Amino acid sequence: METNLYLKDECYKIVGHCMEVHTELGHGFSEVVYKDALEIIFRQEMIPFEREKIYRIMFRGEELKRKYVADFIVMLEIILEVKCASNLLTEHTEQCINYLKVSGNKLCILVNFALPSLQYKRIVF
């Protein structure tokens, strides 16, 4: 078991808040409901965050038309991606890796609120 995880305490705190939301609201809502609830918690707990952060994608010195929009940037360096899916899929992980590539950040937390128990995954790039 790895004991020296990157941003371990910060990740623990964010996942804990996701669990609070999941416990209070349960499963079955759309993603935007959980995002709204997380925004309230982050604001009340005075945790710095930015919602729906837009990242530009550059190619050969030019900006591509396609942009990536991360659900949250928390504590200035952690991407939080919210899902409501039957299960976390490889595509969700790949999406997080792409966000990490364009942002320059190293950690993404992928959470799934759709199941009776909160699912989450740490993705370090």
Protein backbone atom coordinates (compact mmCIF):
# COMPACT_ATOMS: atom_id res chain seq x y z
CA MET A 1 0.00 0.00 0.00
CA GLU A 2 1.39 3.38 -1.04
CA THR A 3 1.65 5.76 1.92
CA ASN A 4 3.10 8.83 0.17
CA LEU A 5 0.22 9.76 -2.14
CA TYR A 6 0.35 13.03 -4.07
CA LEU A 7 -1.88 15.62 -2.32
CA LYS A 8 -3.22 12.88 -0.04
CA ASP A 9 -4.83 15.15 2.59
CA GLU A 10 -6.40 17.45 0.01
CA CYS A 11 -7.80 14.47 -1.91
CA TYR A 12 -9.17 12.97 1.30
CA LYS A 13 -10.94 16.24 2.11
CA ILE A 14 -12.49 16.57 -1.36
CA VAL A 15 -13.67 12.94 -1.44
CA GLY A 16 -15.09 13.41 2.05
CA HIS A 17 -17.16 16.34 0.83
CA CYS A 18 -18.34 14.28 -2.14
CA MET A 19 -19.42 11.58 0.31
CA GLU A 20 -21.33 14.20 2.33
CA VAL A 21 -23.22 15.24 -0.80
CA HIS A 22 -23.91 11.63 -1.75
CA THR A 23 -25.11 10.78 1.76
CA GLU A 24 -27.45 13.76 1.92
CA LEU A 25 -28.84 13.66 -1.62
CA GLY A 26 -28.49 9.96 -2.40
CA HIS A 27 -28.12 8.71 -5.95
CA GLY A 28 -30.38 9.35 -8.94
CA PHE A 29 -29.98 13.05 -9.61
CA SER A 30 -28.28 14.53 -12.66
CA GLU A 31 -24.65 15.66 -12.56
CA VAL A 32 -25.55 19.34 -12.30
CA VAL A 33 -27.38 18.76 -9.00
CA TYR A 34 -24.28 17.23 -7.43
CA LYS A 35 -22.10 20.00 -8.85
CA ASP A 36 -24.41 22.63 -7.36
CA ALA A 37 -24.26 20.89 -3.97
CA LEU A 38 -20.46 20.62 -4.11
CA GLU A 39 -20.23 24.30 -4.96
CA ILE A 40 -22.22 25.12 -1.81
CA ILE A 41 -19.93 22.95 0.36
CA PHE A 42 -16.75 24.42 -1.15
CA ARG A 43 -18.06 27.93 -0.62
CA GLN A 44 -19.21 27.26 2.97
CA GLU A 45 -15.94 25.53 3.87
CA MET A 46 -13.96 28.34 2.20
CA ILE A 47 -12.20 25.88 -0.11
CA PRO A 48 -10.86 27.66 -3.19
CA PHE A 49 -12.46 26.36 -6.37
CA GLU A 50 -13.34 27.27 -9.91
CA ARG A 51 -16.32 25.68 -11.58
CA GLU A 52 -16.38 24.73 -15.26
CA LYS A 53 -12.81 25.79 -15.94
CA ILE A 54 -12.16 26.12 -19.68
CA TYR A 55 -8.86 24.87 -21.08
CA ARG A 56 -7.58 25.79 -24.51
CA ILE A 57 -5.88 23.16 -26.64
CA MET A 58 -2.91 24.30 -28.67
CA PHE A 59 -1.49 22.69 -31.80
CA ARG A 60 1.56 24.06 -33.66
CA GLY A 61 1.16 27.41 -31.98
CA GLU A 62 -2.52 27.75 -32.80
CA GLU A 63 -5.55 27.33 -30.62
CA LEU A 64 -7.91 24.55 -31.66
CA LYS A 65 -11.63 25.24 -31.84
CA ARG A 66 -12.34 22.44 -29.35
CA LYS A 67 -11.95 23.36 -25.68
CA TYR A 68 -12.01 21.15 -22.60
CA VAL A 69 -14.20 22.13 -19.66
CA ALA A 70 -13.28 20.60 -16.31
CA ASP A 71 -16.11 20.42 -13.78
CA PHE A 72 -14.03 21.88 -10.94
CA ILE A 73 -10.53 22.98 -10.12
CA VAL A 74 -10.24 22.67 -6.34
CA MET A 75 -7.48 24.12 -4.17
CA LEU A 76 -5.89 25.54 -7.34
CA GLU A 77 -4.43 22.22 -8.50
CA ILE A 78 -6.88 19.34 -8.28
CA ILE A 79 -9.35 18.62 -11.07
CA LEU A 80 -12.64 17.19 -9.82
CA GLU A 81 -14.69 15.48 -12.50
CA VAL A 82 -18.29 14.57 -11.60
CA LYS A 83 -20.16 11.72 -13.26
CA CYS A 84 -23.54 10.04 -12.94
CA ALA A 85 -23.01 6.79 -14.82
CA SER A 86 -23.79 3.11 -14.35
CA ASN A 87 -20.06 2.63 -13.70
CA LEU A 88 -16.78 4.48 -14.15
CA LEU A 89 -15.49 3.68 -17.61
CA THR A 90 -12.12 3.81 -19.35
CA GLU A 91 -13.46 6.79 -21.34
CA HIS A 92 -13.99 8.74 -18.12
CA THR A 93 -10.40 8.07 -17.04
CA GLU A 94 -9.12 9.06 -20.49
CA GLN A 95 -11.11 12.29 -20.30
CA CYS A 96 -9.45 13.08 -16.97
CA ILE A 97 -6.00 12.36 -18.38
CA ASN A 98 -6.71 14.76 -21.25
CA TYR A 99 -7.74 17.44 -18.73
CA LEU A 100 -4.50 16.87 -16.83
CA LYS A 101 -2.48 17.15 -20.06
CA VAL A 102 -3.97 20.48 -21.10
CA SER A 103 -4.06 21.96 -17.60
CA GLY A 104 -0.59 21.00 -16.45
CA ASN A 105 -2.11 19.72 -13.20
CA LYS A 106 -1.07 16.34 -11.82
CA LEU A 107 -4.15 15.05 -9.97
CA CYS A 108 -7.74 14.45 -11.01
CA ILE A 109 -10.41 12.96 -8.80
CA LEU A 110 -13.14 11.22 -10.77
CA VAL A 111 -16.37 10.69 -8.80
CA ASN A 112 -19.54 8.85 -9.71
CA PHE A 113 -22.71 9.73 -7.82
CA ALA A 114 -25.08 7.38 -9.71
CA LEU A 115 -24.69 4.29 -7.53
CA PRO A 116 -25.88 3.52 -3.98
CA SER A 117 -22.25 3.98 -2.83
CA LEU A 118 -20.06 6.81 -4.09
CA GLN A 119 -17.40 5.63 -6.55
CA TYR A 120 -14.18 7.58 -6.90
CA LYS A 121 -10.81 7.23 -8.53
CA ARG A 122 -7.56 9.16 -8.13
CA ILE A 123 -5.80 9.76 -11.43
CA VAL A 124 -2.24 11.05 -11.24
CA PHE A 125 -0.48 12.15 -14.41
